[in-house]
Amino acid sequence: MRVLIVDDEPSICDVLSISLRKEGYEVVAETSPRRALDRFLRQPYDVVLQDLKMPEMDGIELLREIKKVRPDTVVIIMTAYSTWDRAVEAMRLGAYHYIKKPFDTQVDVKATLQRALQVRRAQADLAEGFDAMLRRIGFVVGYSKVMQQVRDLILRAAPTDSTVLIQGDSGVGKELIARALHHGSPRSERPFIAVNCGALTETLLESELFGHAKGSFTGAVADKVGLVEVAHTGTLFLDEVSEMSPQLQVKVLRLIEEKEFKPVGSVTTKRVDVRFITATNKDLEEAIRKSEFRKDLFYRLNVIPIRVPPLRERREDIPILAEFFLSRYSTDMKRAGKRFDPEVKEAMLRHPWPGNIRELENAVQRAVALSEGAVITVKDLLETAAPQAEGGLVPVQPEPLGEDGLDLDRTMEEIETGYLKRALELTDRNYTKAAQLLRMSLRSFRYKLQKYGIDKEAD
């Protein structure tokens, strides 16, 4: 493997060159980033090991030029605490990993280079079998442009060791994306450990993550290995990371920065090699403003952000997801031959699915289990869909008509107003999407808003 070292400190270039040549690497070192770039343009290198803060040319600029010429080059960043924000920017621009100065050549540099070799081998294999792998673990991408972008981001992020923050509403499939990132990485044969940070108290969560020493608290009758240690060489997925207490956030921050921790009640420090993926359904930046989440921890988690859209923003994917779940549960329940009535898909497209993919999956699963015939009808799905959904699968129930009758025009106005407001709410007040949700033209939608006096409110 050909390695290009770029650092304006000659001593660092010398130490790294001597150490890596002993390992069999072909090494060239440059203290000038401009000379390094000229050399790179003349001859390809497998790995570039570069500093961020250099004269003549900023490390970010050097990274951009390298990726512009040869996007598949593995770039490893060397950085100090003072340039941490720039290191995060470098990771988003395609850097493979970062190493903090001062570093241990054996533990940090050589180990990172070995993983980089694995990444180069894995990238070609991953691109070929990526979609098959996604379907194997139950993750269906769909046809929507936004989900194709998510797929491409997973493909690029999976082979790296970068920390990933997955954000999205409950039920959108955040854990499946975490598993896809793990299965597409060189760590795929190692453990994938998922921890729900919102399901445990602070004390229990700390013990689950870091383990504890015998006698450290009442009931600690023996030493316990934590899930962080179990995940060694693999991936640790922290779901609902926003639910961690401030005290535990400090310890997780140290774990991510130093790759070391102490079990509860122990004085022994343990080191681990873990890739971190986290997820939340909350706005962490808002939590930071409320002093509920540490800003420095957010920066370290948000190296590669992935936002997963709710189903209401990708309605074109609902039919393919429904067919996938129909096939899965028809096979699992030995009820082969089940199919949807054509009207069912129209009803599915009208439903807001506040529970997202999880709600859709549960509705199809129950319909497969409870429907009597081979064809699943709207009635079969109505009996299993969420009853609170407005404008979706639950039909409008007319008011009782007594002897005195009712004002039909006023009643229809109330119904229309309710659906218009609900559509705006579900689409974050986007006129075009709200009109599509109600099967109306944008012009008709605007007319209704003006007619019922909710035009200004929507703006």
Protein backbone atom coordinates (compact mmCIF):
# COMPACT_ATOMS: atom_id res chain seq x y z
CA MET A 1 0.00 0.00 0.00
CA ARG A 2 1.30 3.44 -0.98
CA VAL A 3 1.01 6.04 1.79
CA LEU A 4 1.50 9.80 1.43
CA ILE A 5 2.21 11.65 4.70
CA VAL A 6 1.59 15.41 4.77
CA ASP A 7 2.53 17.39 7.89
CA ASP A 8 4.44 20.63 8.28
CA GLU A 9 6.30 19.21 11.30
CA PRO A 10 9.36 17.27 10.01
CA SER A 11 9.61 15.23 13.22
CA ILE A 12 6.12 13.76 12.70
CA CYS A 13 6.93 12.94 9.08
CA ASP A 14 10.14 11.19 10.14
CA VAL A 15 8.58 9.14 12.96
CA LEU A 16 5.64 8.00 10.82
CA SER A 17 7.81 7.22 7.80
CA ILE A 18 10.24 5.03 9.76
CA SER A 19 7.45 3.21 11.62
CA LEU A 20 5.29 2.51 8.55
CA ARG A 21 8.18 1.40 6.35
CA LYS A 22 8.99 -1.24 8.97
CA GLU A 23 5.44 -2.54 8.46
CA GLY A 24 6.02 -2.89 4.71
CA TYR A 25 4.23 0.24 3.48
CA GLU A 26 5.67 2.30 0.65
CA VAL A 27 5.87 5.75 2.22
CA VAL A 28 6.48 9.27 0.92
CA ALA A 29 6.42 12.25 3.30
CA GLU A 30 6.03 15.94 2.50
CA THR A 31 6.11 18.96 4.83
CA SER A 32 4.60 21.17 2.12
CA PRO A 33 0.94 20.52 1.26
CA ARG A 34 1.39 22.08 -2.20
CA ARG A 35 4.31 19.79 -3.03
CA ALA A 36 2.29 16.88 -1.65
CA LEU A 37 -0.63 17.73 -3.95
CA ASP A 38 1.69 17.99 -6.97
CA ARG A 39 3.12 14.58 -6.11
CA PHE A 40 -0.39 13.13 -5.67
CA LEU A 41 -1.47 14.46 -9.07
CA ARG A 42 1.51 12.77 -10.73
CA GLN A 43 1.18 9.40 -9.00
CA PRO A 44 -1.73 7.78 -7.13
CA TYR A 45 -1.59 6.86 -3.45
CA ASP A 46 -3.85 4.44 -1.60
CA VAL A 47 -3.83 6.43 1.64
CA VAL A 48 -3.10 10.06 2.48
CA LEU A 49 -2.24 10.70 6.13
CA GLN A 50 -2.52 14.47 6.51
CA ASP A 51 -2.54 17.24 9.08
CA LEU A 52 -5.36 19.81 9.14
CA LYS A 53 -3.56 22.96 10.25
CA MET A 54 -0.74 23.70 7.78
CA PRO A 55 0.75 26.79 6.11
CA GLU A 56 0.51 27.34 2.35
CA MET A 57 -2.68 25.29 2.06
CA ASP A 58 -5.38 24.45 4.60
CA GLY A 59 -5.92 20.74 5.25
CA ILE A 60 -9.59 21.00 4.19
CA GLU A 61 -8.53 22.49 0.86
CA LEU A 62 -6.00 19.69 0.35
CA LEU A 63 -8.68 17.09 1.13
CA ARG A 64 -11.08 18.67 -1.40
CA GLU A 65 -8.44 18.57 -4.14
CA ILE A 66 -7.54 14.94 -3.39
CA LYS A 67 -11.17 13.82 -3.44
CA LYS A 68 -11.81 15.81 -6.60
CA VAL A 69 -9.06 13.93 -8.46
CA ARG A 70 -9.43 10.44 -6.89
CA PRO A 71 -12.60 10.07 -4.76
CA ASP A 72 -11.70 6.52 -3.65
CA THR A 73 -8.47 7.62 -1.90
CA VAL A 74 -8.54 6.89 1.84
CA VAL A 75 -7.73 10.14 3.66
CA ILE A 76 -6.87 9.98 7.37
CA ILE A 77 -6.80 13.26 9.28
CA MET A 78 -4.34 14.11 12.07
CA THR A 79 -5.80 16.78 14.33
CA ALA A 80 -5.47 18.50 17.70
CA TYR A 81 -8.38 19.49 19.97
CA SER A 82 -8.21 23.08 18.69
CA THR A 83 -9.14 21.92 15.17
CA TRP A 84 -11.90 19.49 16.16
CA ASP A 85 -14.66 21.34 14.27
CA ARG A 86 -12.51 21.22 11.13
CA ALA A 87 -11.97 17.50 11.65
CA VAL A 88 -15.74 16.97 11.68
CA GLU A 89 -15.99 18.98 8.46
CA ALA A 90 -13.27 16.80 6.94
CA MET A 91 -15.21 13.63 7.79
CA ARG A 92 -18.27 15.03 6.05
CA LEU A 93 -16.17 15.78 2.99
CA GLY A 94 -15.10 12.15 2.76
CA ALA A 95 -12.16 11.67 5.15
CA TYR A 96 -12.05 8.06 6.37
CA HIS A 97 -11.01 8.68 9.98
CA TYR A 98 -9.25 11.11 12.28
CA ILE A 99 -6.35 10.61 14.72
CA LYS A 100 -5.87 12.98 17.65
CA LYS A 101 -2.48 14.48 18.37
CA PRO A 102 -0.44 13.42 20.24
CA PHE A 103 -0.98 9.86 19.02
CA ASP A 104 0.40 6.39 19.61
CA THR A 105 1.90 5.22 16.32
CA GLN A 106 1.24 1.55 17.06
CA VAL A 107 -2.25 1.81 18.52
CA ASP A 108 -3.67 4.73 16.54
CA VAL A 109 -1.89 5.00 13.21
CA LYS A 110 -1.11 1.38 12.35
CA ALA A 111 -4.49 0.08 13.49
CA THR A 112 -6.26 2.77 11.45
CA LEU A 113 -4.23 1.91 8.36
CA GLN A 114 -5.07 -1.77 8.71
CA ARG A 115 -8.77 -0.93 8.88
CA ALA A 116 -8.33 1.33 5.85
CA LEU A 117 -7.04 -1.69 3.91
CA GLN A 118 -10.17 -3.58 4.86
CA VAL A 119 -12.30 -0.62 3.75
CA ARG A 120 -10.69 -0.58 0.30
CA ARG A 121 -11.48 -4.28 -0.13
CA ALA A 122 -14.99 -3.91 1.24
CA GLN A 123 -16.01 -0.94 -0.90
CA ALA A 124 -16.09 -2.88 -4.19
CA ASP A 125 -17.95 -5.84 -2.64
CA LEU A 126 -20.41 -3.54 -0.90
CA ALA A 127 -21.38 -1.64 -4.03
CA GLU A 128 -22.24 -4.91 -5.80
CA GLY A 129 -24.36 -6.56 -3.14
CA PHE A 130 -25.60 -3.51 -1.27
CA ASP A 131 -29.30 -3.60 -2.16
CA ALA A 132 -29.45 -7.37 -1.66
CA MET A 133 -27.94 -6.89 1.79
CA LEU A 134 -30.48 -4.17 2.65
CA ARG A 135 -33.40 -6.38 1.67
CA ARG A 136 -31.91 -9.33 3.58
CA ILE A 137 -32.03 -7.38 6.84
CA GLY A 138 -35.54 -6.08 6.06
CA PHE A 139 -34.71 -2.54 4.94
CA VAL A 140 -36.67 -1.52 1.84
CA VAL A 141 -35.43 1.66 0.18
CA GLY A 142 -38.38 2.41 -2.10
CA TYR A 143 -38.64 4.68 -5.13
CA SER A 144 -38.73 8.13 -3.53
CA LYS A 145 -35.87 10.49 -4.28
CA VAL A 146 -35.33 11.25 -0.60
CA MET A 147 -34.87 7.56 0.27
CA GLN A 148 -32.52 7.04 -2.66
CA GLN A 149 -30.42 9.80 -1.12
CA VAL A 150 -30.51 8.01 2.24
CA ARG A 151 -29.43 4.79 0.51
CA ASP A 152 -26.48 6.52 -1.16
CA LEU A 153 -25.43 8.08 2.14
CA ILE A 154 -25.53 4.67 3.85
CA LEU A 155 -23.43 3.23 1.03
CA ARG A 156 -20.79 5.94 1.46
CA ALA A 157 -20.79 5.95 5.26
CA ALA A 158 -20.94 2.19 5.91
CA PRO A 159 -17.30 1.27 5.13
CA THR A 160 -15.91 4.08 7.31
CA ASP A 161 -15.43 4.27 11.06
CA SER A 162 -17.18 7.65 11.26
CA THR A 163 -19.75 8.22 13.99
CA VAL A 164 -23.27 8.47 12.54
CA LEU A 165 -26.30 10.27 14.01
CA ILE A 166 -29.64 9.00 12.64
CA GLN A 167 -32.59 11.34 13.19
CA GLY A 168 -36.24 10.77 12.43
CA ASP A 169 -39.73 10.23 13.86
CA SER A 170 -40.61 7.11 15.80
CA GLY A 171 -41.18 4.11 13.55
CA VAL A 172 -39.21 5.28 10.50
CA GLY A 173 -36.64 2.47 10.74
CA LYS A 174 -33.64 4.08 12.47
CA GLU A 175 -32.36 0.80 13.90
CA LEU A 176 -32.58 -0.88 10.48
CA ILE A 177 -30.38 1.87 9.07
CA ALA A 178 -27.92 1.33 11.91
CA ARG A 179 -27.83 -2.38 11.09
CA ALA A 180 -27.34 -1.57 7.39
CA LEU A 181 -24.35 0.60 8.30
CA HIS A 182 -22.91 -2.24 10.38
CA HIS A 183 -23.51 -4.97 7.78
CA GLY A 184 -21.91 -2.82 5.11
CA SER A 185 -18.76 -2.20 7.16
CA PRO A 186 -15.56 -4.19 7.67
CA ARG A 187 -16.95 -4.89 11.17
CA SER A 188 -19.91 -6.86 9.79
CA GLU A 189 -18.67 -10.17 11.21
CA ARG A 190 -18.23 -8.64 14.66
CA PRO A 191 -20.95 -7.83 17.25
CA PHE A 192 -23.75 -5.33 16.66
CA ILE A 193 -24.98 -4.22 20.08
CA ALA A 194 -28.14 -2.08 20.31
CA VAL A 195 -28.98 -0.20 23.51
CA ASN A 196 -32.21 1.76 24.08
CA CYS A 197 -31.11 4.65 26.30
CA GLY A 198 -34.70 5.59 27.10
CA ALA A 199 -35.70 2.18 28.44
CA LEU A 200 -33.45 2.17 31.52
CA THR A 201 -32.88 4.38 34.53
CA GLU A 202 -29.60 6.32 34.69
CA THR A 203 -28.01 3.84 37.14
CA LEU A 204 -29.07 0.75 35.21
CA LEU A 205 -28.03 2.26 31.86
CA GLU A 206 -24.55 3.10 33.17
CA SER A 207 -24.13 -0.44 34.51
CA GLU A 208 -25.43 -1.95 31.24
CA LEU A 209 -23.04 0.12 29.16
CA PHE A 210 -19.88 0.02 31.24
CA GLY A 211 -20.38 -2.99 33.49
CA HIS A 212 -19.64 -2.93 37.21
CA ALA A 213 -17.31 -4.34 39.81
CA LYS A 214 -18.43 -6.71 42.53
CA GLY A 215 -19.71 -4.80 45.57
CA SER A 216 -19.95 -1.46 43.74
CA PHE A 217 -23.61 -1.14 44.78
CA THR A 218 -26.31 -3.16 46.53
CA GLY A 219 -27.01 -6.26 44.47
CA ALA A 220 -23.66 -6.24 42.65
CA VAL A 221 -22.72 -9.76 43.78
CA ALA A 222 -20.24 -10.34 40.95
CA ASP A 223 -18.29 -8.49 38.31
CA LYS A 224 -20.37 -7.72 35.22
CA VAL A 225 -19.09 -7.08 31.68
CA GLY A 226 -20.73 -4.05 30.05
CA LEU A 227 -22.18 -3.88 26.54
CA VAL A 228 -19.42 -1.48 25.47
CA GLU A 229 -16.90 -4.24 26.10
CA VAL A 230 -19.14 -6.82 24.41
CA ALA A 231 -19.21 -4.60 21.32
CA HIS A 232 -15.36 -4.55 21.11
CA THR A 233 -14.25 -4.59 17.41
CA GLY A 234 -17.91 -4.23 16.40
CA THR A 235 -20.63 -1.55 16.43
CA LEU A 236 -22.42 0.01 19.40
CA PHE A 237 -25.83 1.48 18.53
CA LEU A 238 -27.22 3.93 21.10
CA ASP A 239 -30.91 4.44 20.36
CA GLU A 240 -32.80 7.40 21.87
CA VAL A 241 -29.46 8.92 22.84
CA SER A 242 -31.25 12.15 23.81
CA GLU A 243 -32.64 10.38 26.89
CA MET A 244 -29.23 10.00 28.57
CA SER A 245 -28.68 12.04 31.74
CA PRO A 246 -26.10 14.88 31.67
CA GLN A 247 -23.81 12.84 33.95
CA LEU A 248 -23.87 9.84 31.64
CA GLN A 249 -23.36 12.07 28.61
CA VAL A 250 -19.98 13.09 30.07
CA LYS A 251 -18.90 9.46 30.32
CA VAL A 252 -20.08 8.60 26.81
CA LEU A 253 -18.22 11.65 25.51
CA ARG A 254 -15.00 10.36 27.07
CA LEU A 255 -15.67 6.89 25.65
CA ILE A 256 -16.02 8.28 22.12
CA GLU A 257 -13.00 10.58 22.42
CA GLU A 258 -10.57 8.27 24.18
CA LYS A 259 -12.03 4.83 23.37
CA GLU A 260 -11.64 3.96 27.04
CA PHE A 261 -13.88 3.66 30.11
CA LYS A 262 -14.06 2.45 33.72
CA PRO A 263 -16.70 -0.03 34.93
CA VAL A 264 -18.89 1.27 37.76
CA GLY A 265 -17.02 0.96 41.04
CA SER A 266 -13.72 0.00 39.38
CA VAL A 267 -10.40 1.87 39.22
CA THR A 268 -9.25 -0.08 36.16
CA THR A 269 -9.41 1.66 32.79
CA LYS A 270 -10.34 -0.50 29.80
CA ARG A 271 -9.77 0.30 26.11
CA VAL A 272 -12.12 -0.70 23.32
CA ASP A 273 -12.27 -0.50 19.53
CA VAL A 274 -15.91 0.35 18.78
CA ARG A 275 -17.75 2.13 15.98
CA PHE A 276 -20.54 4.38 17.34
CA ILE A 277 -23.94 4.87 15.73
CA THR A 278 -26.63 6.83 17.56
CA ALA A 279 -30.27 7.70 16.92
CA THR A 280 -32.95 10.01 18.26
CA ASN A 281 -36.46 11.21 17.42
CA LYS A 282 -35.81 14.57 19.11
CA ASP A 283 -34.20 17.78 17.86
CA LEU A 284 -30.82 17.68 19.61
CA GLU A 285 -29.99 21.26 18.68
CA GLU A 286 -33.15 22.36 20.46
CA ALA A 287 -32.16 20.17 23.43
CA ILE A 288 -28.78 21.94 23.47
CA ARG A 289 -30.52 25.33 23.63
CA LYS A 290 -32.52 24.06 26.61
CA SER A 291 -29.29 22.77 28.27
CA GLU A 292 -30.62 19.21 28.09
CA PHE A 293 -27.86 17.88 25.84
CA ARG A 294 -24.12 18.58 25.73
CA LYS A 295 -22.96 20.60 22.74
CA ASP A 296 -19.55 18.89 22.61
CA LEU A 297 -21.14 15.44 22.61
CA PHE A 298 -23.49 16.49 19.79
CA TYR A 299 -20.53 17.53 17.63
CA ARG A 300 -18.90 14.13 18.10
CA LEU A 301 -22.10 12.22 17.36
CA ASN A 302 -23.10 14.34 14.36
CA VAL A 303 -20.06 13.60 12.18
CA ILE A 304 -22.28 12.01 9.52
CA PRO A 305 -25.95 12.96 10.00
CA ILE A 306 -28.68 10.87 8.36
CA ARG A 307 -32.25 12.18 8.45
CA VAL A 308 -34.90 9.55 7.78
CA PRO A 309 -38.14 11.08 6.42
CA PRO A 310 -41.55 10.05 7.77
CA LEU A 311 -43.91 8.14 5.48
CA ARG A 312 -45.99 11.26 4.82
CA GLU A 313 -42.94 12.69 2.97
CA ARG A 314 -42.42 9.56 0.85
CA ARG A 315 -45.93 8.33 0.02
CA GLU A 316 -44.79 6.79 -3.25
CA ASP A 317 -42.93 4.18 -1.15
CA ILE A 318 -46.05 3.00 0.73
CA PRO A 319 -47.20 0.44 -1.90
CA ILE A 320 -43.77 -1.22 -2.19
CA LEU A 321 -43.40 -1.35 1.60
CA ALA A 322 -46.89 -2.83 1.96
CA GLU A 323 -46.14 -5.50 -0.65
CA PHE A 324 -42.89 -6.35 1.11
CA PHE A 325 -44.67 -6.84 4.45
CA LEU A 326 -47.49 -8.77 2.75
CA SER A 327 -44.98 -11.19 1.23
CA ARG A 328 -43.07 -11.57 4.51
CA TYR A 329 -46.07 -12.27 6.75
CA SER A 330 -47.93 -14.39 4.22
CA THR A 331 -44.87 -16.66 4.19
CA ASP A 332 -44.30 -16.56 7.96
CA MET A 333 -47.94 -17.36 8.74
CA LYS A 334 -48.24 -19.92 5.96
CA ARG A 335 -51.07 -17.95 4.35
CA ALA A 336 -49.76 -17.95 0.78
CA GLY A 337 -51.75 -16.33 -1.98
CA LYS A 338 -52.80 -13.24 -0.01
CA ARG A 339 -53.10 -10.08 -2.09
CA PHE A 340 -54.46 -6.55 -1.74
CA ASP A 341 -57.69 -5.34 -3.26
CA PRO A 342 -56.84 -2.41 -5.62
CA GLU A 343 -58.81 -0.04 -3.37
CA VAL A 344 -56.57 -0.89 -0.41
CA LYS A 345 -53.57 0.88 -1.85
CA GLU A 346 -55.60 4.02 -2.45
CA ALA A 347 -56.74 3.88 1.17
CA MET A 348 -53.14 3.38 2.31
CA LEU A 349 -52.04 6.45 0.37
CA ARG A 350 -54.73 8.54 2.07
CA HIS A 351 -53.75 7.41 5.56
CA PRO A 352 -51.28 9.74 7.40
CA TRP A 353 -49.43 6.86 9.12
CA PRO A 354 -48.38 8.77 12.25
CA GLY A 355 -46.61 5.60 13.40
CA ASN A 356 -44.72 5.46 10.10
CA ILE A 357 -43.29 2.15 8.83
CA ARG A 358 -43.89 0.43 12.16
CA GLU A 359 -47.62 1.25 11.98
CA LEU A 360 -47.83 0.16 8.33
CA GLU A 361 -46.06 -3.12 9.09
CA ASN A 362 -48.33 -3.84 12.06
CA ALA A 363 -51.47 -3.06 10.04
CA VAL A 364 -50.44 -5.42 7.22
CA GLN A 365 -49.40 -8.14 9.65
CA ARG A 366 -52.77 -8.03 11.45
CA ALA A 367 -54.66 -7.95 8.16
CA VAL A 368 -52.82 -11.06 6.95
CA ALA A 369 -53.59 -12.82 10.22
CA LEU A 370 -57.25 -11.84 10.51
CA SER A 371 -58.56 -11.58 6.94
CA GLU A 372 -60.62 -14.60 5.91
CA GLY A 373 -60.34 -14.55 2.13
CA ALA A 374 -57.39 -14.49 -0.24
CA VAL A 375 -57.97 -10.80 -0.99
CA ILE A 376 -57.30 -8.23 1.75
CA THR A 377 -59.99 -5.57 1.43
CA VAL A 378 -60.27 -2.04 2.75
CA LYS A 379 -62.58 -3.41 5.45
CA ASP A 380 -59.88 -5.88 6.55
CA LEU A 381 -57.39 -3.07 6.85
CA LEU A 382 -59.89 -0.66 8.44
CA GLU A 383 -60.33 -3.08 11.30
CA THR A 384 -56.60 -3.07 11.99
CA ALA A 385 -55.55 0.52 11.25
CA ALA A 386 -54.96 3.18 13.89
CA PRO A 387 -58.42 4.56 14.78
CA GLN A 388 -57.15 8.06 15.69
CA ALA A 389 -55.94 8.88 12.19
CA GLU A 390 -57.84 11.77 10.64
CA GLY A 391 -58.32 11.77 6.91
CA GLY A 392 -56.87 8.31 6.55
CA LEU A 393 -58.34 4.85 6.64
CA VAL A 394 -61.04 5.65 9.18
CA PRO A 395 -64.15 6.83 7.34
CA VAL A 396 -66.03 10.01 8.34
CA GLN A 397 -68.99 9.16 10.56
CA PRO A 398 -72.00 11.45 9.88
CA GLU A 399 -73.64 13.21 12.79
CA PRO A 400 -76.99 11.74 13.93
CA LEU A 401 -79.83 13.33 11.98
CA GLY A 402 -82.71 14.09 14.34
CA GLU A 403 -86.19 15.45 13.69
CA ASP A 404 -84.85 19.03 13.75
CA GLY A 405 -82.27 18.21 11.06
CA LEU A 406 -78.93 20.06 10.80
CA ASP A 407 -77.21 22.82 8.89
CA LEU A 408 -75.52 20.76 6.15
CA ASP A 409 -73.49 23.66 4.76
CA ARG A 410 -72.08 24.54 8.20
CA THR A 411 -71.32 20.89 8.95
CA MET A 412 -69.51 20.41 5.63
CA GLU A 413 -67.55 23.60 6.27
CA GLU A 414 -66.43 22.26 9.65
CA ILE A 415 -65.38 18.94 8.13
CA GLU A 416 -63.48 20.57 5.26
CA THR A 417 -61.79 23.05 7.61
CA GLY A 418 -60.69 20.20 9.87
CA TYR A 419 -59.15 18.23 7.01
CA LEU A 420 -57.43 21.30 5.54
CA LYS A 421 -55.81 22.10 8.88
CA ARG A 422 -54.87 18.45 9.44
CA ALA A 423 -53.24 18.24 6.00
CA LEU A 424 -51.21 21.38 6.73
CA GLU A 425 -50.13 19.92 10.05
CA LEU A 426 -49.05 16.59 8.55
CA THR A 427 -47.00 18.30 5.82
CA ASP A 428 -45.40 20.97 8.03
CA ARG A 429 -47.59 23.59 6.33
CA ASN A 430 -46.39 22.82 2.82
CA TYR A 431 -49.21 23.85 0.42
CA THR A 432 -48.16 21.56 -2.43
CA LYS A 433 -47.83 18.43 -0.28
CA ALA A 434 -51.04 19.21 1.64
CA ALA A 435 -52.97 19.54 -1.64
CA GLN A 436 -51.57 16.22 -2.84
CA LEU A 437 -52.58 14.59 0.45
CA LEU A 438 -56.19 15.74 -0.08
CA ARG A 439 -56.18 14.78 -3.80
CA MET A 440 -56.76 18.40 -4.78
CA SER A 441 -55.11 20.78 -7.21
CA LEU A 442 -52.95 23.44 -5.60
CA ARG A 443 -55.30 26.10 -6.98
CA SER A 444 -58.36 24.45 -5.37
CA PHE A 445 -56.48 24.01 -2.13
CA ARG A 446 -55.60 27.72 -1.97
CA TYR A 447 -59.19 28.63 -2.79
CA LYS A 448 -60.50 26.52 0.11
CA LEU A 449 -58.00 28.08 2.51
CA GLN A 450 -59.14 31.55 1.48
CA LYS A 451 -62.81 30.57 1.53
CA TYR A 452 -62.69 29.33 5.13
CA GLY A 453 -60.41 32.13 6.37
CA ILE A 454 -57.41 29.97 7.24
CA ASP A 455 -55.10 31.32 4.50
CA LYS A 456 -53.24 33.71 6.83
CA GLU A 457 -53.04 31.09 9.57
CA ALA A 458 -51.38 28.63 7.14
CA ASP A 459 -48.80 31.22 6.08
